[in-house]
Amino acid sequence: MTDQIFYLATMPFESACQIKILPETHPAAQLHGHSYTASIRVPINGIQAATEAMQEPVSFLKAHLQTTVDPLNYTFLNQHLDIPTDENLARWIHEKTDLKGIERVAIQSTHDSGVDLDKNGHAHIWRRFRFEAAHKLPNVPEGHQCGRMHGHGFEVILHANQDLDGSNVRNCADMGVDFEQIDRFWQPLHQQLDYTCLNDIEGLENPTSEVLAHWIWEQLKPDFEQLSWVTVYETHTSGCHYNGDHYRIWKEQRFESALRLTHVAPGDKRRQLHGHSYLIRLHLTAALDEVMGWTVDYGDVKSLFKPIYEQLDHNQLDLLEGIEEADVTSLLYWIKDKMADSLPQLDRIDLFETPGCGAVLCWGEEGPALPD
């Protein structure tokens, strides 16, 4: 597939709301509030004018999103839209922006729930869960750390396809599946998985992230028709998506680097030497190894990326050999080029300069968005 670059910005805001179409006993029907985050994702041609004016695209997008959500900050959302569900709020933000070709708007109302609205107005809601369990991988080579019995605080995200034909939610019957329904689907699995050894559960004798994601899909999909993806975090930095057809894994790391940008407008502070705590996320697609139970070993991804990581971490990025400018776009292409031979399964790289703000370089199929 052709390379695609998308820029991302995230902005928090504090608001109260009341979802009056819900039953009176529903918590969200009462007056309450959230610490929201809004995110937008725009292709490079959506902010071409900004780049031509020597504005750094990520900063331009952050400023634009700030202007869009400012009217919502410390307000009662019902004054802005009749039914302020996460989905309707995402649609409101999309309508209020004047950027062309917005590819995604996301609203995260809590740490564990939110919605992603794509460019066609199609919504997916998601809900995050956690369970504590032990496991080991029986088929790994001798000496592999995952062959020893150990444990994780696993996190699972269930993504649900709303498919509301792009229309705003107007009554309870229109809501498709809501967060409480997802909770009810998950609860029986939580009882099976929490505080257990996964190897003792039928079907999880080799409980890799991929096998676990597939197992959860098989348990839920027959009754949970709207289920679109299952995401399993084995650790805070690695995990797997499964949609009933194929697997996508990711591995992320952080690096601390200095840089200066010379292509920005005169007077821009980024011309000075400055720095970021970067987050990089590598996404890979591969067929499942039926013996090992994984697509690619997370440890192998980390070790293959290590030579590149060592060039990035605690260094000045604009002095790297082969790079003229250390903006996120140039860095993404530089990293892709360096990894092409050693990690052919790689088909997407996310790079964030600050939390939720950065760029994505994608040349394969995409999985669901990962929340903060």
Protein backbone atom coordinates (compact mmCIF):
# COMPACT_ATOMS: atom_id res chain seq x y z
CA MET A 1 0.00 0.00 0.00
CA THR A 2 1.01 3.63 -0.51
CA ASP A 3 2.50 5.45 2.45
CA GLN A 4 0.03 7.63 4.31
CA ILE A 5 0.91 10.33 6.85
CA PHE A 6 -1.60 11.50 9.44
CA TYR A 7 -1.12 14.15 12.11
CA LEU A 8 -2.74 13.81 15.53
CA ALA A 9 -3.60 16.22 18.30
CA THR A 10 -5.29 15.67 21.66
CA MET A 11 -6.80 18.26 23.96
CA PRO A 12 -8.44 17.86 27.40
CA PHE A 13 -11.52 19.68 28.63
CA GLU A 14 -13.75 19.54 31.72
CA SER A 15 -17.52 19.45 31.32
CA ALA A 16 -20.76 18.45 33.01
CA CYS A 17 -23.54 16.64 31.19
CA GLN A 18 -26.78 14.69 31.55
CA ILE A 19 -27.95 11.99 29.12
CA LYS A 20 -31.68 12.41 29.58
CA ILE A 21 -32.75 9.72 27.09
CA LEU A 22 -31.41 7.02 29.41
CA PRO A 23 -33.57 5.45 32.12
CA GLU A 24 -33.70 7.49 35.32
CA THR A 25 -31.81 4.77 37.19
CA HIS A 26 -28.86 4.94 34.76
CA PRO A 27 -25.92 6.86 36.33
CA ALA A 28 -25.37 8.88 33.15
CA ALA A 29 -28.98 10.12 33.28
CA GLN A 30 -28.03 12.10 36.37
CA LEU A 31 -26.09 15.36 36.31
CA HIS A 32 -22.41 14.39 36.32
CA GLY A 33 -19.10 15.41 34.81
CA HIS A 34 -16.01 14.09 33.04
CA SER A 35 -12.42 14.98 32.35
CA TYR A 36 -12.71 14.50 28.59
CA THR A 37 -10.04 14.26 25.95
CA ALA A 38 -10.78 15.07 22.32
CA SER A 39 -8.48 13.88 19.54
CA ILE A 40 -8.44 14.56 15.84
CA ARG A 41 -6.45 12.90 13.10
CA VAL A 42 -5.91 14.65 9.78
CA PRO A 43 -3.99 13.63 6.62
CA ILE A 44 -1.19 15.87 5.43
CA ASN A 45 -3.32 17.41 2.68
CA GLY A 46 -5.83 18.53 5.32
CA ILE A 47 -3.31 21.01 6.72
CA GLN A 48 -1.24 21.67 3.60
CA ALA A 49 -1.74 25.43 3.93
CA ALA A 50 -0.19 25.36 7.38
CA THR A 51 2.92 23.51 6.23
CA GLU A 52 3.30 25.84 3.27
CA ALA A 53 3.18 28.76 5.70
CA MET A 54 6.13 27.17 7.59
CA GLN A 55 3.95 26.17 10.52
CA GLU A 56 4.80 22.90 12.19
CA PRO A 57 1.75 20.68 11.47
CA VAL A 58 1.35 19.04 14.88
CA SER A 59 1.46 22.39 16.68
CA PHE A 60 -0.94 23.87 14.14
CA LEU A 61 -3.37 21.01 14.72
CA LYS A 62 -3.12 21.35 18.51
CA ALA A 63 -3.95 25.04 18.29
CA HIS A 64 -6.87 24.35 15.97
CA LEU A 65 -8.31 21.69 18.28
CA GLN A 66 -7.85 23.97 21.29
CA THR A 67 -9.95 26.63 19.59
CA THR A 68 -12.62 24.05 18.75
CA VAL A 69 -13.02 22.62 22.26
CA ASP A 70 -12.58 25.86 24.23
CA PRO A 71 -16.33 26.60 24.15
CA LEU A 72 -16.94 23.23 25.86
CA ASN A 73 -14.44 23.66 28.67
CA TYR A 74 -16.05 24.11 32.12
CA THR A 75 -19.56 24.20 30.68
CA PHE A 76 -22.76 22.17 30.77
CA LEU A 77 -22.65 20.21 27.51
CA ASN A 78 -26.43 20.05 27.19
CA GLN A 79 -26.30 23.77 26.38
CA HIS A 80 -24.32 22.94 23.24
CA LEU A 81 -26.02 19.74 22.08
CA ASP A 82 -29.25 18.09 23.15
CA ILE A 83 -27.92 14.62 23.94
CA PRO A 84 -24.21 14.82 24.80
CA THR A 85 -23.20 11.18 24.40
CA ASP A 86 -19.56 10.58 23.49
CA GLU A 87 -20.65 9.85 19.93
CA ASN A 88 -22.72 13.01 19.56
CA LEU A 89 -19.90 15.03 21.08
CA ALA A 90 -17.48 13.62 18.50
CA ARG A 91 -19.92 14.59 15.74
CA TRP A 92 -20.24 18.11 17.20
CA ILE A 93 -16.45 18.57 17.17
CA HIS A 94 -16.23 17.26 13.60
CA GLU A 95 -18.88 19.75 12.46
CA LYS A 96 -17.22 22.69 14.23
CA THR A 97 -13.79 22.19 12.67
CA ASP A 98 -13.04 23.68 9.27
CA LEU A 99 -10.17 21.38 8.37
CA LYS A 100 -10.54 19.32 5.21
CA GLY A 101 -10.45 15.56 5.19
CA ILE A 102 -10.56 14.86 8.93
CA GLU A 103 -9.89 11.15 9.13
CA ARG A 104 -10.93 10.54 12.74
CA VAL A 105 -12.41 12.30 15.76
CA ALA A 106 -12.18 10.54 19.10
CA ILE A 107 -13.73 11.31 22.47
CA GLN A 108 -12.51 9.63 25.64
CA SER A 109 -14.85 10.44 28.51
CA THR A 110 -13.17 8.19 31.10
CA HIS A 111 -9.97 6.17 31.31
CA ASP A 112 -11.98 3.09 30.35
CA SER A 113 -14.44 4.27 27.68
CA GLY A 114 -14.77 6.36 24.57
CA VAL A 115 -15.73 6.52 20.91
CA ASP A 116 -13.92 6.79 17.58
CA LEU A 117 -15.74 8.47 14.69
CA ASP A 118 -14.26 7.85 11.23
CA LYS A 119 -14.31 10.09 8.17
CA ASN A 120 -17.54 8.48 6.94
CA GLY A 121 -19.37 9.26 10.20
CA HIS A 122 -19.15 5.64 11.31
CA ALA A 123 -18.72 5.20 15.07
CA HIS A 124 -17.04 2.55 17.18
CA ILE A 125 -17.36 2.70 20.95
CA TRP A 126 -14.87 0.96 23.19
CA ARG A 127 -14.69 -0.20 26.79
CA ARG A 128 -11.58 -1.22 28.76
CA PHE A 129 -11.43 -3.97 31.38
CA ARG A 130 -8.69 -5.45 33.57
CA PHE A 131 -8.05 -8.83 35.12
CA GLU A 132 -5.17 -10.35 37.09
CA ALA A 133 -3.84 -13.73 35.97
CA ALA A 134 -0.84 -16.02 35.78
CA HIS A 135 0.41 -17.77 32.66
CA LYS A 136 3.40 -19.28 30.94
CA LEU A 137 4.08 -20.09 27.29
CA PRO A 138 4.81 -23.81 26.97
CA ASN A 139 6.28 -23.82 23.46
CA VAL A 140 8.97 -21.15 23.74
CA PRO A 141 12.66 -22.13 23.53
CA GLU A 142 14.41 -23.17 26.73
CA GLY A 143 15.54 -20.12 28.68
CA HIS A 144 12.89 -17.78 27.26
CA GLN A 145 11.52 -15.70 30.15
CA CYS A 146 7.91 -16.34 29.12
CA GLY A 147 8.47 -20.08 29.60
CA ARG A 148 8.57 -19.47 33.36
CA MET A 149 5.30 -19.17 35.25
CA HIS A 150 4.63 -15.45 35.74
CA GLY A 151 1.68 -13.05 35.70
CA HIS A 152 0.24 -9.83 34.34
CA GLY A 153 -2.45 -7.30 35.02
CA PHE A 154 -4.03 -7.91 31.61
CA GLU A 155 -6.17 -5.22 30.01
CA VAL A 156 -8.82 -5.95 27.40
CA ILE A 157 -10.61 -3.45 25.19
CA LEU A 158 -13.84 -4.46 23.50
CA HIS A 159 -14.66 -2.36 20.43
CA ALA A 160 -18.27 -2.22 19.23
CA ASN A 161 -19.55 -1.14 15.84
CA GLN A 162 -22.36 1.37 16.32
CA ASP A 163 -23.36 1.62 12.63
CA LEU A 164 -25.92 4.37 13.23
CA ASP A 165 -25.82 5.53 9.59
CA GLY A 166 -24.17 8.81 10.55
CA SER A 167 -27.26 10.11 12.35
CA ASN A 168 -27.20 11.63 15.81
CA VAL A 169 -28.53 9.59 18.69
CA ARG A 170 -31.97 10.95 19.60
CA ASN A 171 -33.44 8.34 21.93
CA CYS A 172 -32.39 5.35 23.97
CA ALA A 173 -33.42 2.87 21.29
CA ASP A 174 -31.07 4.61 18.84
CA MET A 175 -27.99 4.09 20.99
CA GLY A 176 -27.10 0.68 19.59
CA VAL A 177 -24.88 -0.87 22.22
CA ASP A 178 -23.87 1.23 25.24
CA PHE A 179 -21.10 0.87 27.81
CA GLU A 180 -23.31 -0.95 30.35
CA GLN A 181 -24.26 -3.55 27.73
CA ILE A 182 -20.56 -4.14 27.01
CA ASP A 183 -20.02 -4.53 30.76
CA ARG A 184 -22.67 -7.25 30.86
CA PHE A 185 -21.08 -9.12 27.96
CA TRP A 186 -17.69 -8.99 29.66
CA GLN A 187 -18.69 -9.96 33.19
CA PRO A 188 -18.91 -13.77 32.68
CA LEU A 189 -15.45 -13.77 31.08
CA HIS A 190 -14.05 -11.71 33.93
CA GLN A 191 -15.26 -14.38 36.33
CA GLN A 192 -13.42 -17.02 34.29
CA LEU A 193 -10.17 -15.11 33.85
CA ASP A 194 -9.59 -13.03 36.98
CA TYR A 195 -7.20 -14.47 39.56
CA THR A 196 -6.60 -17.68 37.64
CA CYS A 197 -3.83 -19.41 35.76
CA LEU A 198 -4.79 -18.99 32.10
CA ASN A 199 -3.10 -22.26 31.10
CA ASP A 200 -5.75 -24.14 33.12
CA ILE A 201 -8.62 -22.78 31.02
CA GLU A 202 -9.77 -24.87 28.05
CA GLY A 203 -8.56 -23.24 24.85
CA LEU A 204 -5.85 -21.22 26.61
CA GLU A 205 -3.25 -23.91 27.10
CA ASN A 206 -0.81 -21.67 25.17
CA PRO A 207 -2.05 -18.24 26.32
CA THR A 208 -0.21 -15.72 24.15
CA SER A 209 -1.83 -12.33 23.56
CA GLU A 210 -2.98 -13.54 20.15
CA VAL A 211 -4.50 -16.76 21.48
CA LEU A 212 -6.21 -14.87 24.30
CA ALA A 213 -7.65 -12.25 21.93
CA HIS A 214 -8.96 -15.03 19.66
CA TRP A 215 -10.44 -16.92 22.63
CA ILE A 216 -12.26 -13.81 23.89
CA TRP A 217 -13.61 -13.15 20.39
CA GLU A 218 -14.94 -16.69 20.13
CA GLN A 219 -16.63 -16.45 23.52
CA LEU A 220 -18.33 -13.11 22.86
CA LYS A 221 -19.07 -12.77 19.16
CA PRO A 222 -22.05 -15.21 18.93
CA ASP A 223 -24.10 -13.06 21.35
CA PHE A 224 -22.32 -9.73 20.86
CA GLU A 225 -23.01 -9.05 17.20
CA GLN A 226 -21.61 -5.49 17.26
CA LEU A 227 -18.19 -6.64 18.46
CA SER A 228 -15.63 -5.38 15.93
CA TRP A 229 -12.21 -5.85 17.58
CA VAL A 230 -10.75 -7.39 20.70
CA THR A 231 -7.61 -5.72 22.04
CA VAL A 232 -5.42 -7.42 24.64
CA TYR A 233 -2.68 -5.56 26.51
CA GLU A 234 -0.26 -8.10 27.91
CA THR A 235 1.86 -5.26 29.32
CA HIS A 236 1.60 -1.47 29.20
CA THR A 237 3.86 -1.46 26.15
CA SER A 238 2.68 -4.39 24.04
CA GLY A 239 -0.46 -6.11 22.89
CA CYS A 240 -2.59 -7.55 20.13
CA HIS A 241 -5.76 -6.75 18.17
CA TYR A 242 -8.00 -9.43 16.66
CA ASN A 243 -11.13 -8.94 14.55
CA GLY A 244 -12.12 -12.52 13.74
CA ASP A 245 -9.99 -12.47 10.61
CA HIS A 246 -6.45 -11.29 11.30
CA TYR A 247 -4.07 -10.21 14.05
CA ARG A 248 -2.17 -6.96 14.58
CA ILE A 249 0.38 -6.53 17.36
CA TRP A 250 2.19 -3.48 18.66
CA LYS A 251 5.23 -2.74 20.77
CA GLU A 252 6.01 0.70 22.12
CA GLN A 253 8.98 2.41 23.75
CA ARG A 254 9.93 5.87 24.96
CA PHE A 255 13.06 7.82 24.15
CA GLU A 256 14.42 11.15 25.39
CA SER A 257 15.91 13.36 22.70
CA ALA A 258 16.96 16.89 21.81
CA LEU A 259 16.41 18.65 18.48
CA ARG A 260 16.09 21.93 16.72
CA LEU A 261 13.88 22.67 13.70
CA THR A 262 15.13 24.98 10.96
CA HIS A 263 12.14 24.84 8.59
CA VAL A 264 9.68 26.60 10.90
CA ALA A 265 8.92 30.31 10.67
CA PRO A 266 11.44 32.84 11.98
CA GLY A 267 10.83 33.54 15.65
CA ASP A 268 9.33 30.09 16.29
CA LYS A 269 10.78 28.73 19.55
CA ARG A 270 11.36 25.35 17.90
CA ARG A 271 14.30 26.88 16.05
CA GLN A 272 16.06 26.80 19.41
CA LEU A 273 17.56 23.65 20.83
CA HIS A 274 14.79 21.91 22.79
CA GLY A 275 13.67 18.36 23.58
CA HIS A 276 10.84 15.86 23.97
CA SER A 277 10.03 12.62 25.75
CA TYR A 278 8.90 10.72 22.66
CA LEU A 279 6.60 7.71 22.51
CA ILE A 280 7.04 5.41 19.51
CA ARG A 281 4.67 2.56 18.73
CA LEU A 282 5.52 -0.11 16.14
CA HIS A 283 2.58 -1.99 14.58
CA LEU A 284 3.00 -5.33 12.81
CA THR A 285 0.78 -7.68 10.85
CA ALA A 286 1.70 -11.32 10.31
CA ALA A 287 0.16 -14.76 10.12
CA LEU A 288 -0.22 -16.69 13.35
CA ASP A 289 2.48 -19.27 14.08
CA GLU A 290 0.30 -22.21 15.09
CA VAL A 291 3.01 -23.76 17.26
CA MET A 292 4.26 -20.66 19.06
CA GLY A 293 0.80 -19.08 19.24
CA TRP A 294 2.10 -15.65 18.27
CA THR A 295 2.66 -13.60 15.12
CA VAL A 296 5.98 -12.03 16.15
CA ASP A 297 7.62 -12.33 19.58
CA TYR A 298 7.43 -8.95 21.38
CA GLY A 299 10.98 -9.54 22.61
CA ASP A 300 12.20 -9.98 19.04
CA VAL A 301 10.54 -6.70 18.01
CA LYS A 302 12.30 -4.90 20.86
CA SER A 303 15.69 -6.42 20.10
CA LEU A 304 15.45 -5.73 16.36
CA PHE A 305 14.52 -2.12 17.07
CA LYS A 306 17.31 -1.68 19.62
CA PRO A 307 20.01 -0.42 17.17
CA ILE A 308 17.63 2.28 15.96
CA TYR A 309 16.48 3.07 19.50
CA GLU A 310 20.07 3.62 20.62
CA GLN A 311 20.57 6.20 17.88
CA LEU A 312 17.40 8.04 18.98
CA ASP A 313 17.58 7.89 22.76
CA HIS A 314 19.56 10.60 24.59
CA ASN A 315 20.81 12.10 21.36
CA GLN A 316 20.24 15.20 19.23
CA LEU A 317 17.95 14.06 16.44
CA ASP A 318 18.77 16.69 13.82
CA LEU A 319 22.38 15.46 13.87
CA LEU A 320 21.44 11.90 12.89
CA GLU A 321 23.11 10.68 9.73
CA GLY A 322 20.68 10.69 6.81
CA ILE A 323 18.19 13.18 8.26
CA GLU A 324 18.04 16.87 7.39
CA GLU A 325 15.17 17.88 9.68
CA ALA A 326 14.03 16.24 12.92
CA ASP A 327 10.30 16.91 12.59
CA VAL A 328 8.01 13.92 13.21
CA THR A 329 7.41 13.32 9.48
CA SER A 330 11.11 13.09 8.67
CA LEU A 331 11.76 10.92 11.73
CA LEU A 332 9.01 8.49 10.76
CA TYR A 333 10.39 7.98 7.27
CA TRP A 334 13.93 7.67 8.66
CA ILE A 335 12.83 4.96 11.12
CA LYS A 336 10.83 3.11 8.45
CA ASP A 337 13.86 3.05 6.15
CA LYS A 338 16.13 1.77 8.92
CA MET A 339 13.69 -1.03 9.87
CA ALA A 340 12.68 -2.19 6.39
CA ASP A 341 15.02 -5.17 6.18
CA SER A 342 15.05 -6.33 9.80
CA LEU A 343 11.30 -6.15 10.49
CA PRO A 344 9.33 -6.73 7.25
CA GLN A 345 6.06 -7.31 9.18
CA LEU A 346 6.10 -3.65 10.24
CA ASP A 347 3.34 -1.66 8.50
CA ARG A 348 2.67 1.34 10.74
CA ILE A 349 4.63 3.60 13.08
CA ASP A 350 3.14 6.08 15.55
CA LEU A 351 5.39 8.82 16.91
CA PHE A 352 4.23 11.22 19.64
CA GLU A 353 6.25 14.27 20.72
CA THR A 354 3.89 15.03 23.60
CA PRO A 355 0.97 12.94 24.96
CA GLY A 356 -1.54 12.32 22.18
CA CYS A 357 0.16 14.71 19.74
CA GLY A 358 2.30 13.50 16.87
CA ALA A 359 2.02 11.65 13.58
CA VAL A 360 1.33 8.23 12.07
CA LEU A 361 3.04 6.70 9.06
CA CYS A 362 0.96 3.81 7.72
CA TRP A 363 1.49 1.56 4.71
CA GLY A 364 -0.74 -1.38 5.62
CA GLU A 365 -4.18 -2.15 6.99
CA GLU A 366 -5.09 -0.37 10.19
CA GLY A 367 -6.43 -1.78 13.39
CA PRO A 368 -8.54 0.15 15.87
CA ALA A 369 -7.21 3.26 17.56
CA LEU A 370 -5.56 2.77 20.96
CA PRO A 371 -6.87 5.04 23.72
CA ASP A 372 -4.59 6.94 26.08
